[in-house]
Amino acid sequence: MACADSKVDLCTVPLTALNVTVRTRLGLFLNPRTAVASDWKALAEKVDFGYLEIKNFEARLNPTAVVLDEWQARSKDATVGKLLGILEKLERNDILEDLRSAIDEDVRRYLERMANLPLQVHIVDSCVPRTPERHGLTLEDNLEGAPELFDAFICYCQSDFEFVHEMIRELEQTDYRLKLCVFDRDVLPGSCVWTITSELIERRCKRMVVVISDEYLNSDACDFQTKFALSLCPGAQQKRLIPVVYKPMKKPFPSILRFLTVCDYTRPCTQAWFWTRLAKVLSLP
């Protein structure tokens, strides 16, 4: 299936290209139960969710959004083209007619963003960057040798920086001796934020620690970093993302990360094990 305004194969465009407006409109069409049209449950079945999973989704305010988030997090086949193909098979031509122009616009913007990102390869590793401009990104980069590598990239928003300082003390300045990539500390100024971030996450850092908070949910930078890291490792096959909760939250936990085990600092009975567990997973090969 191709984009209406170009020759782009939408089956190669990941579902993460769709922004909030399109996802909200999809929910307005698919969330209501009707006797004459297929709803979100039919979509969930088409993307291989089981009975118990679908029953669990029923309790959510916007089950369509949950289905899309869970699908893109666990499957490499979650693409815009496949979604449109499913809607066509479900005979939801009303959705296709209403949203096609908005979807094409989201795809156009996504492709523009991707044009500024480093070239992706099939096997993700932390090898030496392949272009000279990717040297000199961090404080300890050696322009004549290998780039600086890290055990983990820390995804955080500014309001959580005090906890990031504690993480530095506990993981870098103790016997664990891990090497963390903290953007405000380690990255040199003057380059494109998105290019640097994607380079660090994909090639320089073995894993990414996501500091979850209410403020994180409103951060565009954190949203980009999380979705980019998930796209590198669908289904968490390599334990690439480690969500961390360090204070109580008023907002719901992000559904895109619900399938991952969480390192929870808010429970007093488990705090004694928190840093040991986190250090152990970051030390894995």
C-alpha atoms as a PDB file:
ATOM      1  CA  MET A   1       0.000   0.000   0.000  1.00  0.00           C
ATOM      2  CA  ALA A   2       1.466   3.340  -1.074  1.00  0.00           C
ATOM      3  CA  CYS A   3       1.163   6.867   0.233  1.00  0.00           C
ATOM      4  CA  ALA A   4      -1.444   8.838  -1.702  1.00  0.00           C
ATOM      5  CA  ASP A   5       0.973  11.652  -2.503  1.00  0.00           C
ATOM      6  CA  SER A   6       4.121   9.653  -3.245  1.00  0.00           C
ATOM      7  CA  LYS A   7       5.602   6.272  -4.078  1.00  0.00           C
ATOM      8  CA  VAL A   8       6.371   5.496  -0.433  1.00  0.00           C
ATOM      9  CA  ASP A   9       5.492   1.928   0.549  1.00  0.00           C
ATOM     10  CA  LEU A  10       3.506   2.386   3.761  1.00  0.00           C
ATOM     11  CA  CYS A  11       4.280  -1.198   4.764  1.00  0.00           C
ATOM     12  CA  THR A  12       7.830   0.018   5.455  1.00  0.00           C
ATOM     13  CA  VAL A  13       6.702   2.938   7.646  1.00  0.00           C
ATOM     14  CA  PRO A  14       6.430   1.978  11.357  1.00  0.00           C
ATOM     15  CA  LEU A  15       3.270   2.705  13.311  1.00  0.00           C
ATOM     16  CA  THR A  16       5.222   5.193  15.444  1.00  0.00           C
ATOM     17  CA  ALA A  17       4.879   7.614  12.517  1.00  0.00           C
ATOM     18  CA  LEU A  18       1.240   8.228  13.478  1.00  0.00           C
ATOM     19  CA  ASN A  19       0.851  11.154  15.847  1.00  0.00           C
ATOM     20  CA  VAL A  20      -1.702  11.886  18.567  1.00  0.00           C
ATOM     21  CA  THR A  21      -4.360  13.476  16.345  1.00  0.00           C
ATOM     22  CA  VAL A  22      -4.678  10.436  14.067  1.00  0.00           C
ATOM     23  CA  ARG A  23      -4.639   8.013  17.008  1.00  0.00           C
ATOM     24  CA  THR A  24      -7.333  10.033  18.783  1.00  0.00           C
ATOM     25  CA  ARG A  25      -9.540  10.011  15.688  1.00  0.00           C
ATOM     26  CA  LEU A  26      -9.042   6.251  15.321  1.00  0.00           C
ATOM     27  CA  GLY A  27     -10.274   5.849  18.891  1.00  0.00           C
ATOM     28  CA  LEU A  28     -13.389   7.908  18.154  1.00  0.00           C
ATOM     29  CA  PHE A  29     -14.210   5.545  15.297  1.00  0.00           C
ATOM     30  CA  LEU A  30     -13.227   2.209  16.878  1.00  0.00           C
ATOM     31  CA  ASN A  31     -13.910   2.554  20.622  1.00  0.00           C
ATOM     32  CA  PRO A  32     -17.750   2.617  20.432  1.00  0.00           C
ATOM     33  CA  ARG A  33     -19.457  -0.796  20.234  1.00  0.00           C
ATOM     34  CA  THR A  34     -21.822  -1.035  17.272  1.00  0.00           C
ATOM     35  CA  ALA A  35     -23.739  -3.880  15.689  1.00  0.00           C
ATOM     36  CA  VAL A  36     -23.019  -2.774  12.125  1.00  0.00           C
ATOM     37  CA  ALA A  37     -19.290  -2.041  12.064  1.00  0.00           C
ATOM     38  CA  SER A  38     -16.077  -3.688  13.268  1.00  0.00           C
ATOM     39  CA  ASP A  39     -14.605  -2.059  16.384  1.00  0.00           C
ATOM     40  CA  TRP A  40     -11.269  -2.069  18.244  1.00  0.00           C
ATOM     41  CA  LYS A  41     -11.705  -5.713  19.270  1.00  0.00           C
ATOM     42  CA  ALA A  42     -11.696  -6.794  15.635  1.00  0.00           C
ATOM     43  CA  LEU A  43      -8.506  -4.793  15.121  1.00  0.00           C
ATOM     44  CA  ALA A  44      -6.921  -6.419  18.205  1.00  0.00           C
ATOM     45  CA  GLU A  45      -7.738  -9.904  16.897  1.00  0.00           C
ATOM     46  CA  LYS A  46      -6.261  -9.076  13.496  1.00  0.00           C
ATOM     47  CA  VAL A  47      -2.932  -8.114  15.098  1.00  0.00           C
ATOM     48  CA  ASP A  48      -2.828 -11.379  17.102  1.00  0.00           C
ATOM     49  CA  PHE A  49      -3.903 -10.328  20.591  1.00  0.00           C
ATOM     50  CA  GLY A  50      -5.484 -13.154  22.575  1.00  0.00           C
ATOM     51  CA  TYR A  51      -8.787 -13.351  24.405  1.00  0.00           C
ATOM     52  CA  LEU A  52      -7.380 -12.537  27.858  1.00  0.00           C
ATOM     53  CA  GLU A  53      -5.385  -9.591  26.533  1.00  0.00           C
ATOM     54  CA  ILE A  54      -8.456  -8.167  24.815  1.00  0.00           C
ATOM     55  CA  LYS A  55     -10.545  -8.607  27.977  1.00  0.00           C
ATOM     56  CA  ASN A  56      -7.878  -6.671  29.861  1.00  0.00           C
ATOM     57  CA  PHE A  57      -7.972  -3.875  27.282  1.00  0.00           C
ATOM     58  CA  GLU A  58     -11.732  -3.468  27.868  1.00  0.00           C
ATOM     59  CA  ALA A  59     -11.026  -1.741  31.191  1.00  0.00           C
ATOM     60  CA  ARG A  60      -9.029   1.037  29.509  1.00  0.00           C
ATOM     61  CA  LEU A  61     -10.584   4.400  28.642  1.00  0.00           C
ATOM     62  CA  ASN A  62      -9.138   4.313  25.125  1.00  0.00           C
ATOM     63  CA  PRO A  63      -8.654   0.642  24.177  1.00  0.00           C
ATOM     64  CA  THR A  64      -7.817   1.524  20.578  1.00  0.00           C
ATOM     65  CA  ALA A  65      -4.798   3.550  21.728  1.00  0.00           C
ATOM     66  CA  VAL A  66      -3.682   0.699  23.991  1.00  0.00           C
ATOM     67  CA  VAL A  67      -3.934  -1.822  21.146  1.00  0.00           C
ATOM     68  CA  LEU A  68      -1.822   0.398  18.873  1.00  0.00           C
ATOM     69  CA  ASP A  69       0.810   1.033  21.565  1.00  0.00           C
ATOM     70  CA  GLU A  70       1.084  -2.628  22.555  1.00  0.00           C
ATOM     71  CA  TRP A  71       1.177  -3.776  18.941  1.00  0.00           C
ATOM     72  CA  GLN A  72       3.986  -1.406  17.935  1.00  0.00           C
ATOM     73  CA  ALA A  73       5.960  -2.313  21.065  1.00  0.00           C
ATOM     74  CA  ARG A  74       5.912  -6.069  20.496  1.00  0.00           C
ATOM     75  CA  SER A  75       5.868  -6.538  16.734  1.00  0.00           C
ATOM     76  CA  LYS A  76       8.177  -5.596  13.884  1.00  0.00           C
ATOM     77  CA  ASP A  77       5.170  -5.858  11.550  1.00  0.00           C
ATOM     78  CA  ALA A  78       3.352  -2.910  13.132  1.00  0.00           C
ATOM     79  CA  THR A  79       3.346  -0.567  10.145  1.00  0.00           C
ATOM     80  CA  VAL A  80       1.074   2.104   8.768  1.00  0.00           C
ATOM     81  CA  GLY A  81       0.477   0.025   5.639  1.00  0.00           C
ATOM     82  CA  LYS A  82      -0.577  -3.044   7.618  1.00  0.00           C
ATOM     83  CA  LEU A  83      -2.965  -0.960   9.732  1.00  0.00           C
ATOM     84  CA  LEU A  84      -4.613   0.493   6.632  1.00  0.00           C
ATOM     85  CA  GLY A  85      -4.826  -2.988   5.104  1.00  0.00           C
ATOM     86  CA  ILE A  86      -6.569  -4.317   8.232  1.00  0.00           C
ATOM     87  CA  LEU A  87      -9.051  -1.428   8.243  1.00  0.00           C
ATOM     88  CA  GLU A  88      -9.791  -2.181   4.586  1.00  0.00           C
ATOM     89  CA  LYS A  89     -10.387  -5.881   5.355  1.00  0.00           C
ATOM     90  CA  LEU A  90     -12.680  -4.858   8.229  1.00  0.00           C
ATOM     91  CA  GLU A  91     -14.610  -2.741   5.706  1.00  0.00           C
ATOM     92  CA  ARG A  92     -14.008   0.444   7.689  1.00  0.00           C
ATOM     93  CA  ASN A  93     -13.825   2.589   4.586  1.00  0.00           C
ATOM     94  CA  ASP A  94     -15.300   5.457   6.604  1.00  0.00           C
ATOM     95  CA  ILE A  95     -12.087   5.593   8.629  1.00  0.00           C
ATOM     96  CA  LEU A  96      -9.881   5.374   5.554  1.00  0.00           C
ATOM     97  CA  GLU A  97     -11.735   8.219   3.846  1.00  0.00           C
ATOM     98  CA  ASP A  98     -11.716  10.440   6.928  1.00  0.00           C
ATOM     99  CA  LEU A  99      -8.098   9.908   8.009  1.00  0.00           C
ATOM    100  CA  ARG A 100      -6.139   9.167   4.834  1.00  0.00           C
ATOM    101  CA  SER A 101      -4.957  12.748   4.270  1.00  0.00           C
ATOM    102  CA  ALA A 102      -3.948  13.126   7.932  1.00  0.00           C
ATOM    103  CA  ILE A 103      -2.099   9.793   7.831  1.00  0.00           C
ATOM    104  CA  ASP A 104      -0.248  10.808   4.676  1.00  0.00           C
ATOM    105  CA  GLU A 105       0.794  14.056   6.376  1.00  0.00           C
ATOM    106  CA  ASP A 106       2.085  12.167   9.430  1.00  0.00           C
ATOM    107  CA  VAL A 107       4.050   9.852   7.136  1.00  0.00           C
ATOM    108  CA  ARG A 108       5.526  12.826   5.271  1.00  0.00           C
ATOM    109  CA  ARG A 109       6.681  14.430   8.531  1.00  0.00           C
ATOM    110  CA  TYR A 110       8.065  11.115   9.798  1.00  0.00           C
ATOM    111  CA  LEU A 111      10.131  10.604   6.646  1.00  0.00           C
ATOM    112  CA  GLU A 112      11.493  14.141   6.940  1.00  0.00           C
ATOM    113  CA  ARG A 113      12.591  13.433  10.528  1.00  0.00           C
ATOM    114  CA  MET A 114      14.144  10.115   9.550  1.00  0.00           C
ATOM    115  CA  ALA A 115      16.106  11.803   6.759  1.00  0.00           C
ATOM    116  CA  ASN A 116      18.081  13.626   9.477  1.00  0.00           C
ATOM    117  CA  LEU A 117      18.805  10.482  11.514  1.00  0.00           C
ATOM    118  CA  PRO A 118      21.832   8.165  11.140  1.00  0.00           C
ATOM    119  CA  LEU A 119      21.514   5.293   8.716  1.00  0.00           C
ATOM    120  CA  GLN A 120      19.933   2.271  10.447  1.00  0.00           C
ATOM    121  CA  VAL A 121      21.435  -1.169   9.946  1.00  0.00           C
ATOM    122  CA  HIS A 122      19.798  -4.580  10.326  1.00  0.00           C
ATOM    123  CA  ILE A 123      21.937  -5.617  13.308  1.00  0.00           C
ATOM    124  CA  VAL A 124      22.194  -2.987  16.010  1.00  0.00           C
ATOM    125  CA  ASP A 125      25.539  -2.793  17.781  1.00  0.00           C
ATOM    126  CA  SER A 126      27.811  -0.248  19.389  1.00  0.00           C
ATOM    127  CA  CYS A 127      30.366  -0.308  16.612  1.00  0.00           C
ATOM    128  CA  VAL A 128      32.542   2.614  15.536  1.00  0.00           C
ATOM    129  CA  PRO A 129      30.385   5.230  13.746  1.00  0.00           C
ATOM    130  CA  ARG A 130      30.721   5.044   9.985  1.00  0.00           C
ATOM    131  CA  THR A 131      30.894   8.767   9.233  1.00  0.00           C
ATOM    132  CA  PRO A 132      33.450  11.288  10.561  1.00  0.00           C
ATOM    133  CA  GLU A 133      30.806  13.803  11.704  1.00  0.00           C
ATOM    134  CA  ARG A 134      29.683  11.351  14.384  1.00  0.00           C
ATOM    135  CA  HIS A 135      33.005  11.719  16.186  1.00  0.00           C
ATOM    136  CA  GLY A 136      33.365  14.447  18.781  1.00  0.00           C
ATOM    137  CA  LEU A 137      29.873  14.097  20.247  1.00  0.00           C
ATOM    138  CA  THR A 138      30.807  13.521  23.893  1.00  0.00           C
ATOM    139  CA  LEU A 139      33.378  14.872  26.343  1.00  0.00           C
ATOM    140  CA  GLU A 140      35.758  11.918  26.150  1.00  0.00           C
ATOM    141  CA  ASP A 141      35.511  11.178  22.429  1.00  0.00           C
ATOM    142  CA  ASN A 142      38.886  10.487  20.840  1.00  0.00           C
ATOM    143  CA  LEU A 143      38.872  12.043  17.378  1.00  0.00           C
ATOM    144  CA  GLU A 144      41.714   9.774  16.253  1.00  0.00           C
ATOM    145  CA  GLY A 145      40.417   6.559  17.823  1.00  0.00           C
ATOM    146  CA  ALA A 146      37.276   4.754  18.906  1.00  0.00           C
ATOM    147  CA  PRO A 147      34.277   6.788  20.127  1.00  0.00           C
ATOM    148  CA  GLU A 148      33.263   6.925  23.785  1.00  0.00           C
ATOM    149  CA  LEU A 149      30.962   4.025  24.722  1.00  0.00           C
ATOM    150  CA  PHE A 150      28.518   3.689  27.638  1.00  0.00           C
ATOM    151  CA  ASP A 151      26.719   1.006  29.605  1.00  0.00           C
ATOM    152  CA  ALA A 152      23.436   2.925  29.505  1.00  0.00           C
ATOM    153  CA  PHE A 153      21.781   6.030  28.106  1.00  0.00           C
ATOM    154  CA  ILE A 154      19.667   7.806  30.750  1.00  0.00           C
ATOM    155  CA  CYS A 155      16.321   9.046  29.445  1.00  0.00           C
ATOM    156  CA  TYR A 156      15.006  11.719  31.823  1.00  0.00           C
ATOM    157  CA  CYS A 157      13.338  15.127  31.986  1.00  0.00           C
ATOM    158  CA  GLN A 158      14.829  18.125  33.775  1.00  0.00           C
ATOM    159  CA  SER A 159      12.534  17.895  36.801  1.00  0.00           C
ATOM    160  CA  ASP A 160      13.962  14.429  37.558  1.00  0.00           C
ATOM    161  CA  PHE A 161      17.599  15.546  37.458  1.00  0.00           C
ATOM    162  CA  GLU A 162      18.086  15.203  41.215  1.00  0.00           C
ATOM    163  CA  PHE A 163      17.367  11.469  40.936  1.00  0.00           C
ATOM    164  CA  VAL A 164      19.754  11.261  37.972  1.00  0.00           C
ATOM    165  CA  HIS A 165      22.467  12.681  40.251  1.00  0.00           C
ATOM    166  CA  GLU A 166      21.688   9.947  42.769  1.00  0.00           C
ATOM    167  CA  MET A 167      21.905   7.366  39.995  1.00  0.00           C
ATOM    168  CA  ILE A 168      25.354   8.679  39.067  1.00  0.00           C
ATOM    169  CA  ARG A 169      26.521   8.392  42.677  1.00  0.00           C
ATOM    170  CA  GLU A 170      25.159   4.864  43.138  1.00  0.00           C
ATOM    171  CA  LEU A 171      26.193   3.351  39.797  1.00  0.00           C
ATOM    172  CA  GLU A 172      29.330   5.228  38.700  1.00  0.00           C
ATOM    173  CA  GLN A 173      31.005   6.225  41.963  1.00  0.00           C
ATOM    174  CA  THR A 174      30.741   2.842  43.708  1.00  0.00           C
ATOM    175  CA  ASP A 175      32.168  -0.605  43.062  1.00  0.00           C
ATOM    176  CA  TYR A 176      29.726  -1.080  40.188  1.00  0.00           C
ATOM    177  CA  ARG A 177      31.808   1.422  38.127  1.00  0.00           C
ATOM    178  CA  LEU A 178      29.228   1.644  35.360  1.00  0.00           C
ATOM    179  CA  LYS A 179      29.471   4.322  32.694  1.00  0.00           C
ATOM    180  CA  LEU A 180      26.249   6.280  32.161  1.00  0.00           C
ATOM    181  CA  CYS A 181      25.449   8.647  29.321  1.00  0.00           C
ATOM    182  CA  VAL A 182      23.770  11.698  30.847  1.00  0.00           C
ATOM    183  CA  PHE A 183      22.924  14.143  28.066  1.00  0.00           C
ATOM    184  CA  ASP A 184      23.422  17.377  30.022  1.00  0.00           C
ATOM    185  CA  ARG A 185      26.779  16.188  31.373  1.00  0.00           C
ATOM    186  CA  ASP A 186      28.355  14.148  28.572  1.00  0.00           C
ATOM    187  CA  VAL A 187      27.156  15.588  25.242  1.00  0.00           C
ATOM    188  CA  LEU A 188      28.992  18.469  23.589  1.00  0.00           C
ATOM    189  CA  PRO A 189      26.854  21.423  22.403  1.00  0.00           C
ATOM    190  CA  GLY A 190      26.384  22.509  18.808  1.00  0.00           C
ATOM    191  CA  SER A 191      24.908  19.500  16.978  1.00  0.00           C
ATOM    192  CA  CYS A 192      21.370  18.386  16.102  1.00  0.00           C
ATOM    193  CA  VAL A 193      19.712  16.979  19.234  1.00  0.00           C
ATOM    194  CA  TRP A 194      17.829  14.211  17.396  1.00  0.00           C
ATOM    195  CA  THR A 195      20.903  13.076  15.455  1.00  0.00           C
ATOM    196  CA  ILE A 196      23.071  12.932  18.579  1.00  0.00           C
ATOM    197  CA  THR A 197      20.395  11.165  20.612  1.00  0.00           C
ATOM    198  CA  SER A 198      19.768   8.454  18.037  1.00  0.00           C
ATOM    199  CA  GLU A 199      23.523   7.923  17.528  1.00  0.00           C
ATOM    200  CA  LEU A 200      24.103   7.508  21.264  1.00  0.00           C
ATOM    201  CA  ILE A 201      21.149   5.181  21.845  1.00  0.00           C
ATOM    202  CA  GLU A 202      21.775   2.975  18.824  1.00  0.00           C
ATOM    203  CA  ARG A 203      25.570   2.774  18.627  1.00  0.00           C
ATOM    204  CA  ARG A 204      27.169   4.062  21.813  1.00  0.00           C
ATOM    205  CA  CYS A 205      25.001   2.659  24.659  1.00  0.00           C
ATOM    206  CA  LYS A 206      24.230  -0.983  25.437  1.00  0.00           C
ATOM    207  CA  ARG A 207      20.954  -0.133  27.169  1.00  0.00           C
ATOM    208  CA  MET A 208      18.640   2.734  28.082  1.00  0.00           C
ATOM    209  CA  VAL A 209      17.268   3.534  31.535  1.00  0.00           C
ATOM    210  CA  VAL A 210      13.941   5.376  31.318  1.00  0.00           C
ATOM    211  CA  VAL A 211      13.168   7.509  34.382  1.00  0.00           C
ATOM    212  CA  ILE A 212       9.356   7.456  34.501  1.00  0.00           C
ATOM    213  CA  SER A 213       7.453  10.312  36.158  1.00  0.00           C
ATOM    214  CA  ASP A 214       4.413  12.494  35.503  1.00  0.00           C
ATOM    215  CA  GLU A 215       6.735  15.041  33.892  1.00  0.00           C
ATOM    216  CA  TYR A 216       8.256  12.365  31.633  1.00  0.00           C
ATOM    217  CA  LEU A 217       4.819  11.838  30.061  1.00  0.00           C
ATOM    218  CA  ASN A 218       4.823  15.468  28.845  1.00  0.00           C
ATOM    219  CA  SER A 219       8.355  15.435  27.415  1.00  0.00           C
ATOM    220  CA  ASP A 220       8.702  15.298  23.613  1.00  0.00           C
ATOM    221  CA  ALA A 221      12.391  14.427  23.947  1.00  0.00           C
ATOM    222  CA  CYS A 222      11.689  11.482  26.271  1.00  0.00           C
ATOM    223  CA  ASP A 223       8.893  10.300  23.990  1.00  0.00           C
ATOM    224  CA  PHE A 224      11.243  10.312  20.979  1.00  0.00           C
ATOM    225  CA  GLN A 225      14.044   8.544  22.877  1.00  0.00           C
ATOM    226  CA  THR A 226      11.738   5.829  24.210  1.00  0.00           C
ATOM    227  CA  LYS A 227      10.061   5.074  20.886  1.00  0.00           C
ATOM    228  CA  PHE A 228      13.402   5.112  19.060  1.00  0.00           C
ATOM    229  CA  ALA A 229      14.905   2.620  21.506  1.00  0.00           C
ATOM    230  CA  LEU A 230      11.825   0.394  21.290  1.00  0.00           C
ATOM    231  CA  SER A 231      12.052   0.398  17.503  1.00  0.00           C
ATOM    232  CA  LEU A 232      15.596  -1.008  17.779  1.00  0.00           C
ATOM    233  CA  CYS A 233      14.492  -3.927  19.940  1.00  0.00           C
ATOM    234  CA  PRO A 234      10.795  -4.871  19.539  1.00  0.00           C
ATOM    235  CA  GLY A 235       9.484  -7.136  22.274  1.00  0.00           C
ATOM    236  CA  ALA A 236      12.389  -6.322  24.616  1.00  0.00           C
ATOM    237  CA  GLN A 237      14.335  -9.330  23.328  1.00  0.00           C
ATOM    238  CA  GLN A 238      17.664  -7.907  24.510  1.00  0.00           C
ATOM    239  CA  LYS A 239      16.532  -6.128  27.728  1.00  0.00           C
ATOM    240  CA  ARG A 240      17.460  -2.876  25.994  1.00  0.00           C
ATOM    241  CA  LEU A 241      14.989  -0.679  27.940  1.00  0.00           C
ATOM    242  CA  ILE A 242      14.799  -0.591  31.725  1.00  0.00           C
ATOM    243  CA  PRO A 243      11.927   1.538  33.123  1.00  0.00           C
ATOM    244  CA  VAL A 244      12.607   3.084  36.541  1.00  0.00           C
ATOM    245  CA  VAL A 245       9.990   4.652  38.825  1.00  0.00           C
ATOM    246  CA  TYR A 246      11.441   6.637  41.723  1.00  0.00           C
ATOM    247  CA  LYS A 247       8.442   8.621  43.000  1.00  0.00           C
ATOM    248  CA  PRO A 248       4.645   8.099  43.113  1.00  0.00           C
ATOM    249  CA  MET A 249       2.757   9.015  39.944  1.00  0.00           C
ATOM    250  CA  LYS A 250      -0.664  10.602  39.548  1.00  0.00           C
ATOM    251  CA  LYS A 251      -0.920   9.805  35.835  1.00  0.00           C
ATOM    252  CA  PRO A 252      -1.203   6.297  34.347  1.00  0.00           C
ATOM    253  CA  PHE A 253       2.013   4.411  33.617  1.00  0.00           C
ATOM    254  CA  PRO A 254       2.836   4.715  29.880  1.00  0.00           C
ATOM    255  CA  SER A 255       1.097   1.877  28.071  1.00  0.00           C
ATOM    256  CA  ILE A 256       3.943   1.522  25.568  1.00  0.00           C
ATOM    257  CA  LEU A 257       6.163   0.261  28.438  1.00  0.00           C
ATOM    258  CA  ARG A 258       3.595  -1.861  30.310  1.00  0.00           C
ATOM    259  CA  PHE A 259       5.008  -5.126  28.946  1.00  0.00           C
ATOM    260  CA  LEU A 260       8.429  -4.458  30.530  1.00  0.00           C
ATOM    261  CA  THR A 261       9.411  -5.313  34.110  1.00  0.00           C
ATOM    262  CA  VAL A 262       9.961  -2.155  36.172  1.00  0.00           C
ATOM    263  CA  CYS A 263      12.646  -1.193  38.689  1.00  0.00           C
ATOM    264  CA  ASP A 264      10.491   0.446  41.396  1.00  0.00           C
ATOM    265  CA  TYR A 265      12.126   2.766  43.942  1.00  0.00           C
ATOM    266  CA  THR A 266       8.819   3.817  45.503  1.00  0.00           C
ATOM    267  CA  ARG A 267       8.358   0.640  47.576  1.00  0.00           C
ATOM    268  CA  PRO A 268      10.269   0.879  50.881  1.00  0.00           C
ATOM    269  CA  CYS A 269      10.352  -2.915  51.266  1.00  0.00           C
ATOM    270  CA  THR A 270      12.365  -3.328  48.016  1.00  0.00           C
ATOM    271  CA  GLN A 271      14.568  -0.223  48.047  1.00  0.00           C
ATOM    272  CA  ALA A 272      17.477  -2.196  49.523  1.00  0.00           C
ATOM    273  CA  TRP A 273      17.585  -4.298  46.333  1.00  0.00           C
ATOM    274  CA  PHE A 274      16.931  -1.483  43.869  1.00  0.00           C
ATOM    275  CA  TRP A 275      20.487  -0.447  42.968  1.00  0.00           C
ATOM    276  CA  THR A 276      21.773  -4.025  42.945  1.00  0.00           C
ATOM    277  CA  ARG A 277      19.090  -5.120  40.470  1.00  0.00           C
ATOM    278  CA  LEU A 278      19.606  -2.081  38.263  1.00  0.00           C
ATOM    279  CA  ALA A 279      23.403  -2.427  38.277  1.00  0.00           C
ATOM    280  CA  LYS A 280      23.150  -6.136  37.440  1.00  0.00           C
ATOM    281  CA  VAL A 281      21.014  -5.649  34.330  1.00  0.00           C
ATOM    282  CA  LEU A 282      23.215  -2.778  33.127  1.00  0.00           C
ATOM    283  CA  SER A 283      26.303  -4.967  33.567  1.00  0.00           C
ATOM    284  CA  LEU A 284      25.008  -7.708  31.275  1.00  0.00           C
ATOM    285  CA  PRO A 285      26.808  -8.128  27.933  1.00  0.00           C
END
